[in-house]
Amino acid sequence: MEYTVVMGFRGDITMDELFYRWFNDHKEKLQKMGIQTDLISKSIQSCNPNPSIFVDHLTSTRGGRVTVWKSGFIDMEILDIQSVELIFFKHLDLTVEYSDIENLLDEYIEKLISQS
């Protein structure tokens, strides 16, 4: 894979902020891979005790969304644009299942750019 997550899990930064920074920093690199970052949105912290960010991605055949909560939960989902069929879904608790997020997005990105 041509990209890497350069930041690991750190106690001084919340999980939602870590991913928000990563997606902002890697928009151009993802675009070169054929992935358009359509939207990066953060929830309002004062309205939600567990704020999140979500990022929407588009390719010519698929749409994906990654949602990351401050608490460390993450959902990754991909739909086929033509059939609206769910191709990929993963829900993880990063505080339990992953202490290192170096390769966390590999499967999501691979499935997003895959044509089959």
C-alpha atoms as a PDB file:
ATOM      1  CA  MET A   1       0.000   0.000   0.000  1.00  0.00           C
ATOM      2  CA  GLU A   2       1.303   3.470  -0.857  1.00  0.00           C
ATOM      3  CA  TYR A   3       0.263   5.292   2.299  1.00  0.00           C
ATOM      4  CA  THR A   4       0.858   4.842   5.995  1.00  0.00           C
ATOM      5  CA  VAL A   5      -0.737   6.141   9.131  1.00  0.00           C
ATOM      6  CA  VAL A   6       2.181   8.069  10.559  1.00  0.00           C
ATOM      7  CA  MET A   7       0.687   8.738  13.959  1.00  0.00           C
ATOM      8  CA  GLY A   8       0.104   5.985  16.480  1.00  0.00           C
ATOM      9  CA  PHE A   9      -2.230   5.870  19.450  1.00  0.00           C
ATOM     10  CA  ARG A  10      -1.209   8.547  21.927  1.00  0.00           C
ATOM     11  CA  GLY A  11      -2.710   9.399  25.282  1.00  0.00           C
ATOM     12  CA  ASP A  12      -2.355  13.144  24.679  1.00  0.00           C
ATOM     13  CA  ILE A  13      -4.718  13.207  21.695  1.00  0.00           C
ATOM     14  CA  THR A  14      -8.218  11.786  21.447  1.00  0.00           C
ATOM     15  CA  MET A  15      -8.964   9.138  18.863  1.00  0.00           C
ATOM     16  CA  ASP A  16     -11.412  11.352  16.952  1.00  0.00           C
ATOM     17  CA  GLU A  17      -8.855  14.169  16.735  1.00  0.00           C
ATOM     18  CA  LEU A  18      -6.115  11.775  15.624  1.00  0.00           C
ATOM     19  CA  PHE A  19      -8.202  10.558  12.691  1.00  0.00           C
ATOM     20  CA  TYR A  20      -9.444  14.048  11.870  1.00  0.00           C
ATOM     21  CA  ARG A  21      -5.831  15.188  11.481  1.00  0.00           C
ATOM     22  CA  TRP A  22      -4.874  12.085   9.500  1.00  0.00           C
ATOM     23  CA  PHE A  23      -7.698  12.453   6.977  1.00  0.00           C
ATOM     24  CA  ASN A  24      -7.000  16.159   6.527  1.00  0.00           C
ATOM     25  CA  ASP A  25      -3.282  15.504   6.065  1.00  0.00           C
ATOM     26  CA  HIS A  26      -3.835  12.652   3.575  1.00  0.00           C
ATOM     27  CA  LYS A  27      -6.584  14.036   1.316  1.00  0.00           C
ATOM     28  CA  GLU A  28      -4.200  14.631  -1.570  1.00  0.00           C
ATOM     29  CA  LYS A  29      -2.518  11.230  -1.275  1.00  0.00           C
ATOM     30  CA  LEU A  30      -5.907   9.482  -1.225  1.00  0.00           C
ATOM     31  CA  GLN A  31      -7.006  11.504  -4.251  1.00  0.00           C
ATOM     32  CA  LYS A  32      -3.972  10.235  -6.190  1.00  0.00           C
ATOM     33  CA  MET A  33      -5.197   6.716  -5.385  1.00  0.00           C
ATOM     34  CA  GLY A  34      -8.605   7.536  -6.904  1.00  0.00           C
ATOM     35  CA  ILE A  35     -10.344   8.286  -3.599  1.00  0.00           C
ATOM     36  CA  GLN A  36     -12.096  11.630  -3.271  1.00  0.00           C
ATOM     37  CA  THR A  37     -12.493  12.833   0.321  1.00  0.00           C
ATOM     38  CA  ASP A  38     -15.999  14.247   0.101  1.00  0.00           C
ATOM     39  CA  LEU A  39     -16.630  15.440   3.643  1.00  0.00           C
ATOM     40  CA  ILE A  40     -14.861  15.596   6.977  1.00  0.00           C
ATOM     41  CA  SER A  41     -17.204  16.555   9.789  1.00  0.00           C
ATOM     42  CA  LYS A  42     -16.817  16.831  13.554  1.00  0.00           C
ATOM     43  CA  SER A  43     -19.667  16.663  16.052  1.00  0.00           C
ATOM     44  CA  ILE A  44     -20.113  19.535  18.478  1.00  0.00           C
ATOM     45  CA  GLN A  45     -18.505  18.512  21.766  1.00  0.00           C
ATOM     46  CA  SER A  46     -20.820  20.558  23.979  1.00  0.00           C
ATOM     47  CA  CYS A  47     -23.833  18.643  22.616  1.00  0.00           C
ATOM     48  CA  ASN A  48     -22.346  15.173  22.829  1.00  0.00           C
ATOM     49  CA  PRO A  49     -20.396  13.519  25.652  1.00  0.00           C
ATOM     50  CA  ASN A  50     -18.758  11.175  23.108  1.00  0.00           C
ATOM     51  CA  PRO A  51     -18.050  13.375  20.067  1.00  0.00           C
ATOM     52  CA  SER A  52     -17.079  11.862  16.755  1.00  0.00           C
ATOM     53  CA  ILE A  53     -15.796  12.678  13.334  1.00  0.00           C
ATOM     54  CA  PHE A  54     -16.912  11.100  10.115  1.00  0.00           C
ATOM     55  CA  VAL A  55     -15.242  11.122   6.754  1.00  0.00           C
ATOM     56  CA  ASP A  56     -16.971  10.299   3.471  1.00  0.00           C
ATOM     57  CA  HIS A  57     -14.974   8.929   0.552  1.00  0.00           C
ATOM     58  CA  LEU A  58     -15.990   8.388  -3.065  1.00  0.00           C
ATOM     59  CA  THR A  59     -14.473   6.399  -5.904  1.00  0.00           C
ATOM     60  CA  SER A  60     -15.969   5.791  -9.334  1.00  0.00           C
ATOM     61  CA  THR A  61     -17.806   2.691  -8.052  1.00  0.00           C
ATOM     62  CA  ARG A  62     -17.923   2.904  -4.253  1.00  0.00           C
ATOM     63  CA  GLY A  63     -18.736   5.192  -1.372  1.00  0.00           C
ATOM     64  CA  GLY A  64     -17.223   4.798   2.067  1.00  0.00           C
ATOM     65  CA  ARG A  65     -17.536   6.324   5.502  1.00  0.00           C
ATOM     66  CA  VAL A  66     -15.272   6.113   8.525  1.00  0.00           C
ATOM     67  CA  THR A  67     -16.711   7.266  11.855  1.00  0.00           C
ATOM     68  CA  VAL A  68     -14.413   7.584  14.871  1.00  0.00           C
ATOM     69  CA  TRP A  69     -15.621   8.439  18.371  1.00  0.00           C
ATOM     70  CA  LYS A  70     -13.573  10.144  21.055  1.00  0.00           C
ATOM     71  CA  SER A  71     -13.992   7.028  23.193  1.00  0.00           C
ATOM     72  CA  GLY A  72     -12.056   4.970  20.634  1.00  0.00           C
ATOM     73  CA  PHE A  73     -14.803   3.186  18.713  1.00  0.00           C
ATOM     74  CA  ILE A  74     -14.574   3.151  14.922  1.00  0.00           C
ATOM     75  CA  ASP A  75     -16.993   2.094  12.179  1.00  0.00           C
ATOM     76  CA  MET A  76     -15.825   1.607   8.599  1.00  0.00           C
ATOM     77  CA  GLU A  77     -18.389   0.947   5.879  1.00  0.00           C
ATOM     78  CA  ILE A  78     -18.390   0.797   2.093  1.00  0.00           C
ATOM     79  CA  LEU A  79     -21.345   0.711  -0.311  1.00  0.00           C
ATOM     80  CA  ASP A  80     -21.447  -0.139  -3.999  1.00  0.00           C
ATOM     81  CA  ILE A  81     -22.746   3.034  -5.681  1.00  0.00           C
ATOM     82  CA  GLN A  82     -24.795   1.184  -8.348  1.00  0.00           C
ATOM     83  CA  SER A  83     -26.494  -1.473  -6.212  1.00  0.00           C
ATOM     84  CA  VAL A  84     -26.293   0.333  -2.832  1.00  0.00           C
ATOM     85  CA  GLU A  85     -25.152  -3.041  -1.474  1.00  0.00           C
ATOM     86  CA  LEU A  86     -23.060  -3.008   1.698  1.00  0.00           C
ATOM     87  CA  ILE A  87     -19.677  -4.373   0.628  1.00  0.00           C
ATOM     88  CA  PHE A  88     -17.701  -3.879   3.821  1.00  0.00           C
ATOM     89  CA  PHE A  89     -18.474  -3.069   7.452  1.00  0.00           C
ATOM     90  CA  LYS A  90     -16.222  -3.199  10.474  1.00  0.00           C
ATOM     91  CA  HIS A  91     -16.830  -1.952  14.041  1.00  0.00           C
ATOM     92  CA  LEU A  92     -13.864  -1.927  16.403  1.00  0.00           C
ATOM     93  CA  ASP A  93     -12.982  -0.738  19.873  1.00  0.00           C
ATOM     94  CA  LEU A  94      -9.533   0.695  19.275  1.00  0.00           C
ATOM     95  CA  THR A  95      -8.735   0.842  22.976  1.00  0.00           C
ATOM     96  CA  VAL A  96      -9.100  -2.955  23.213  1.00  0.00           C
ATOM     97  CA  GLU A  97      -8.525  -4.388  19.746  1.00  0.00           C
ATOM     98  CA  TYR A  98      -5.789  -2.053  18.522  1.00  0.00           C
ATOM     99  CA  SER A  99      -3.103  -0.264  20.455  1.00  0.00           C
ATOM    100  CA  ASP A 100      -1.317   0.569  17.190  1.00  0.00           C
ATOM    101  CA  ILE A 101      -3.367   2.028  14.336  1.00  0.00           C
ATOM    102  CA  GLU A 102      -0.504   1.967  11.842  1.00  0.00           C
ATOM    103  CA  ASN A 103      -2.294  -0.385   9.450  1.00  0.00           C
ATOM    104  CA  LEU A 104      -5.883   0.083  10.605  1.00  0.00           C
ATOM    105  CA  LEU A 105      -7.170   1.680   7.402  1.00  0.00           C
ATOM    106  CA  ASP A 106      -5.427  -0.713   4.972  1.00  0.00           C
ATOM    107  CA  GLU A 107      -8.391  -3.072   4.519  1.00  0.00           C
ATOM    108  CA  TYR A 108     -10.863  -0.180   4.208  1.00  0.00           C
ATOM    109  CA  ILE A 109      -8.753   1.599   1.561  1.00  0.00           C
ATOM    110  CA  GLU A 110      -8.066  -1.619  -0.355  1.00  0.00           C
ATOM    111  CA  LYS A 111     -11.781  -2.480  -0.509  1.00  0.00           C
ATOM    112  CA  LEU A 112     -12.676   1.101  -1.440  1.00  0.00           C
ATOM    113  CA  ILE A 113     -10.395   1.110  -4.492  1.00  0.00           C
ATOM    114  CA  SER A 114     -11.034  -2.527  -5.447  1.00  0.00           C
ATOM    115  CA  GLN A 115     -13.132  -3.006  -8.580  1.00  0.00           C
ATOM    116  CA  SER A 116     -14.472  -6.438  -7.662  1.00  0.00           C
END
